[in-house]
Amino acid sequence: MKKSKAAAEIELMFNKIAKSYDFLNNLISAFSHILIKKSSVEFLGIQNGSSVLDLCTGSGDLAGIIKEKYPKCQIIGADFSDEMLKIAKKKGFDIEYLKEDATNLSFDDGTFDYIVMGFGLRNIPDKQAALSEVVRVLSPGGKFLHLDFGEKNLISNFADIFILAVAKIFSKNFNAYKYLVESKKGFLSPHELISKAENCSLKFLRRKDFLFKTVTCEVFEK
């Protein structure tokens, strides 16, 4: 399947920022993103020994957290950015990392017991196609965890200003973080995300909020 121009541009952007991605994430969030990811994984409640897909794995944070907590799980980390996957592979976990298009996955129907997606759906132009693929490769009764920025409130606005200020000082790719803020503002609200997922035949189970609702995770079941 041919990539759209928007998807190709976003892939190129992530390839460019891959080497500094973890450093900037840690700096901007004061390491809170790690705590949020760990809490989200616990909220999902994975059964050890299950098959797990970390979709839009990026530098592999969620996949690594799951492997540490549930070492018997078979985990695949999938992303469209070659450079991000290189960073993930260097972290030394027993995880298979594959280059994949989230809107056209290579896996068979019903392959995974769990799918997690952290801060990824926002970067996919065709969100409907990505959610449809999640449903397709998720096993019957399997669970999907979505984690991303949540409500747009005063705290969220201050965070946007802080992100841009830090990126201007520490990043050689300021436009990438400008894109981050713009995509964050334009992303679905938690309620809109839940509605969109339910329209793709996912059943909403529960939601958890972080940092005054500026970050949220939702758990769905097929």
Protein backbone atom coordinates (compact mmCIF):
# COMPACT_ATOMS: atom_id res chain seq x y z
CA MET A 1 0.00 0.00 0.00
CA LYS A 2 1.38 3.39 -1.01
CA LYS A 3 1.94 5.83 1.84
CA SER A 4 0.18 9.18 1.83
CA LYS A 5 2.32 12.29 1.65
CA ALA A 6 1.39 13.16 5.24
CA ALA A 7 2.36 9.70 6.52
CA ALA A 8 5.70 9.84 4.67
CA GLU A 9 6.48 13.27 6.13
CA ILE A 10 5.70 12.11 9.69
CA GLU A 11 7.89 9.01 9.21
CA LEU A 12 10.77 11.20 8.03
CA MET A 13 10.30 13.51 11.01
CA PHE A 14 10.56 10.64 13.51
CA ASN A 15 13.64 9.30 11.76
CA LYS A 16 15.26 12.72 12.20
CA ILE A 17 14.51 13.06 15.93
CA ALA A 18 15.11 9.43 16.93
CA LYS A 19 18.57 9.92 18.47
CA SER A 20 17.39 12.65 20.85
CA TYR A 21 13.85 11.34 21.35
CA ASP A 22 14.32 9.67 24.74
CA PHE A 23 16.42 12.54 26.11
CA LEU A 24 13.81 15.15 25.18
CA ASN A 25 10.93 13.00 26.44
CA ASN A 26 12.64 12.59 29.80
CA LEU A 27 13.49 16.27 30.01
CA ILE A 28 10.08 17.60 28.97
CA SER A 29 8.13 15.24 31.23
CA ALA A 30 10.66 15.10 34.11
CA PHE A 31 10.52 11.28 33.61
CA SER A 32 6.77 11.25 34.40
CA HIS A 33 6.06 9.56 31.04
CA ILE A 34 7.76 6.39 32.33
CA LEU A 35 5.59 6.32 35.46
CA ILE A 36 2.48 6.92 33.37
CA LYS A 37 3.38 4.08 31.00
CA LYS A 38 4.03 1.70 33.89
CA SER A 39 0.73 2.63 35.52
CA SER A 40 -1.10 2.16 32.21
CA VAL A 41 0.37 -1.32 31.74
CA GLU A 42 -0.78 -2.27 35.25
CA PHE A 43 -4.21 -0.82 34.47
CA LEU A 44 -4.46 -3.08 31.43
CA GLY A 45 -3.72 -6.19 33.49
CA ILE A 46 -1.86 -8.47 31.09
CA GLN A 47 -1.79 -12.21 31.68
CA ASN A 48 1.82 -13.43 31.74
CA GLY A 49 2.57 -15.64 28.76
CA SER A 50 0.24 -13.77 26.40
CA SER A 51 1.06 -12.43 22.94
CA VAL A 52 1.39 -8.64 22.88
CA LEU A 53 1.78 -6.11 20.07
CA ASP A 54 3.20 -2.70 20.94
CA LEU A 55 1.95 -0.73 17.96
CA CYS A 56 3.78 2.52 17.17
CA THR A 57 6.42 1.33 19.62
CA GLY A 58 8.79 4.22 18.91
CA SER A 59 11.88 3.77 21.08
CA GLY A 60 10.29 0.73 22.75
CA ASP A 61 9.33 2.09 26.18
CA LEU A 62 5.98 0.30 26.53
CA ALA A 63 7.31 -2.96 25.09
CA GLY A 64 10.22 -2.90 27.53
CA ILE A 65 7.99 -2.13 30.51
CA ILE A 66 5.71 -5.05 29.60
CA LYS A 67 8.67 -7.44 29.17
CA GLU A 68 10.09 -6.48 32.56
CA LYS A 69 6.77 -6.99 34.32
CA TYR A 70 5.59 -10.00 32.31
CA PRO A 71 8.77 -11.78 31.15
CA LYS A 72 6.90 -14.78 29.70
CA CYS A 73 4.94 -12.65 27.24
CA GLN A 74 5.77 -12.88 23.56
CA ILE A 75 6.11 -9.24 22.50
CA ILE A 76 6.42 -7.61 19.10
CA GLY A 77 7.18 -3.92 18.80
CA ALA A 78 6.04 -2.41 15.50
CA ASP A 79 6.77 1.02 14.07
CA PHE A 80 7.19 2.75 10.71
CA SER A 81 10.41 4.55 11.68
CA ASP A 82 13.63 2.64 10.99
CA GLU A 83 15.64 4.97 13.22
CA MET A 84 13.25 4.61 16.14
CA LEU A 85 13.40 0.84 15.81
CA LYS A 86 17.21 0.99 15.94
CA ILE A 87 16.98 2.81 19.29
CA ALA A 88 14.46 0.28 20.62
CA LYS A 89 16.62 -2.69 19.62
CA LYS A 90 19.63 -1.28 21.48
CA LYS A 91 17.76 -1.48 24.81
CA GLY A 92 18.50 -5.19 25.00
CA PHE A 93 15.10 -6.72 25.68
CA ASP A 94 14.04 -10.07 24.25
CA ILE A 95 11.54 -8.38 21.97
CA GLU A 96 11.07 -8.69 18.21
CA TYR A 97 10.94 -5.32 16.49
CA LEU A 98 9.42 -4.99 13.03
CA LYS A 99 8.85 -2.18 10.57
CA GLU A 100 5.09 -2.01 10.01
CA ASP A 101 2.44 0.29 8.61
CA ALA A 102 -0.22 0.59 11.34
CA THR A 103 -2.93 0.94 8.68
CA ASN A 104 -1.87 -2.22 6.83
CA LEU A 105 -0.33 -4.71 9.27
CA SER A 106 1.32 -7.90 8.03
CA PHE A 107 -0.04 -10.09 10.86
CA ASP A 108 -2.79 -12.69 10.51
CA ASP A 109 -6.26 -12.10 11.91
CA GLY A 110 -6.54 -12.66 15.67
CA THR A 111 -2.79 -12.90 16.27
CA PHE A 112 -2.51 -10.97 19.55
CA ASP A 113 -4.09 -11.26 23.00
CA TYR A 114 -3.21 -7.64 23.78
CA ILE A 115 -2.35 -4.57 21.72
CA VAL A 116 -0.94 -1.40 23.26
CA MET A 117 -0.49 1.94 21.53
CA GLY A 118 1.17 4.83 23.35
CA PHE A 119 1.21 8.31 21.80
CA GLY A 120 0.92 6.81 18.33
CA LEU A 121 -2.59 7.08 16.92
CA ARG A 122 -2.28 10.87 16.90
CA ASN A 123 0.50 10.55 14.30
CA ILE A 124 -1.48 8.37 11.91
CA PRO A 125 -3.44 10.35 9.29
CA ASP A 126 -5.95 7.53 8.70
CA LYS A 127 -6.99 6.73 12.27
CA GLN A 128 -10.01 4.73 11.17
CA ALA A 129 -7.80 2.35 9.19
CA ALA A 130 -5.40 1.94 12.11
CA LEU A 131 -8.19 1.11 14.56
CA SER A 132 -9.69 -1.33 12.07
CA GLU A 133 -6.33 -3.11 11.86
CA VAL A 134 -6.16 -3.25 15.67
CA VAL A 135 -9.53 -5.01 15.65
CA ARG A 136 -8.47 -7.38 12.88
CA VAL A 137 -5.23 -8.63 14.48
CA LEU A 138 -6.65 -8.73 18.03
CA SER A 139 -7.95 -12.11 19.17
CA PRO A 140 -11.62 -12.48 20.20
CA GLY A 141 -11.88 -11.18 23.76
CA GLY A 142 -8.46 -9.55 23.43
CA LYS A 143 -7.77 -6.13 24.92
CA PHE A 144 -6.48 -2.89 23.44
CA LEU A 145 -4.80 -0.14 25.48
CA HIS A 146 -4.68 3.36 24.02
CA LEU A 147 -2.52 5.98 25.76
CA ASP A 148 -2.13 9.59 24.64
CA PHE A 149 -2.71 13.21 25.54
CA GLY A 150 -6.18 13.80 26.94
CA GLU A 151 -8.23 16.87 27.71
CA LYS A 152 -7.27 20.33 26.51
CA ASN A 153 -7.30 22.44 29.68
CA LEU A 154 -5.23 25.17 31.33
CA ILE A 155 -2.54 22.68 32.44
CA SER A 156 -2.35 21.33 28.90
CA ASN A 157 -1.88 24.86 27.52
CA PHE A 158 0.98 25.55 29.94
CA ALA A 159 2.55 22.21 28.96
CA ASP A 160 2.47 23.22 25.29
CA ILE A 161 4.36 26.43 26.06
CA PHE A 162 6.92 24.50 28.12
CA ILE A 163 7.43 21.86 25.41
CA LEU A 164 8.18 24.50 22.80
CA ALA A 165 10.52 26.40 25.12
CA VAL A 166 12.53 23.26 25.94
CA ALA A 167 12.62 22.14 22.31
CA LYS A 168 13.89 25.54 21.18
CA ILE A 169 16.85 25.22 23.54
CA PHE A 170 17.69 21.52 23.35
CA SER A 171 16.41 20.20 20.01
CA LYS A 172 17.93 20.61 16.57
CA ASN A 173 14.49 19.82 15.13
CA PHE A 174 12.24 22.46 16.65
CA ASN A 175 9.61 21.98 13.92
CA ALA A 176 9.12 18.38 15.05
CA TYR A 177 8.08 19.55 18.52
CA LYS A 178 5.98 22.31 17.01
CA TYR A 179 4.21 19.52 15.13
CA LEU A 180 3.83 17.61 18.41
CA VAL A 181 2.03 20.52 20.04
CA GLU A 182 -0.17 21.13 17.01
CA SER A 183 -1.10 17.44 16.70
CA LYS A 184 -1.82 17.33 20.43
CA LYS A 185 -4.23 20.27 20.11
CA GLY A 186 -5.95 18.73 17.09
CA PHE A 187 -6.22 15.20 18.45
CA LEU A 188 -9.48 13.55 19.48
CA SER A 189 -10.74 14.20 23.00
CA PRO A 190 -10.96 11.07 25.19
CA HIS A 191 -14.72 10.91 24.60
CA GLU A 192 -14.27 11.27 20.84
CA LEU A 193 -11.57 8.59 20.88
CA ILE A 194 -13.83 6.19 22.76
CA SER A 195 -16.66 6.83 20.29
CA LYS A 196 -14.37 6.28 17.29
CA ALA A 197 -13.02 3.04 18.75
CA GLU A 198 -16.52 1.79 19.49
CA ASN A 199 -17.52 2.52 15.90
CA CYS A 200 -14.72 0.12 14.93
CA SER A 201 -16.30 -2.67 17.02
CA LEU A 202 -14.20 -2.21 20.15
CA LYS A 203 -16.00 -2.31 23.50
CA PHE A 204 -14.92 0.39 25.96
CA LEU A 205 -14.08 -1.04 29.39
CA ARG A 206 -12.39 1.62 31.51
CA ARG A 207 -10.35 4.82 31.52
CA LYS A 208 -7.60 6.26 33.69
CA ASP A 209 -6.41 9.88 33.78
CA PHE A 210 -3.00 11.33 34.63
CA LEU A 211 -1.58 14.81 35.26
CA PHE A 212 -4.92 16.59 35.76
CA LYS A 213 -6.49 14.70 32.83
CA THR A 214 -3.91 16.00 30.34
CA VAL A 215 -2.89 12.39 29.64
CA THR A 216 -5.35 9.52 29.56
CA CYS A 217 -5.48 5.81 28.82
CA GLU A 218 -8.45 3.76 27.71
CA VAL A 219 -8.89 -0.01 27.71
CA PHE A 220 -11.08 -1.69 25.11
CA GLU A 221 -12.09 -5.29 24.41
CA LYS A 222 -12.77 -6.96 21.10
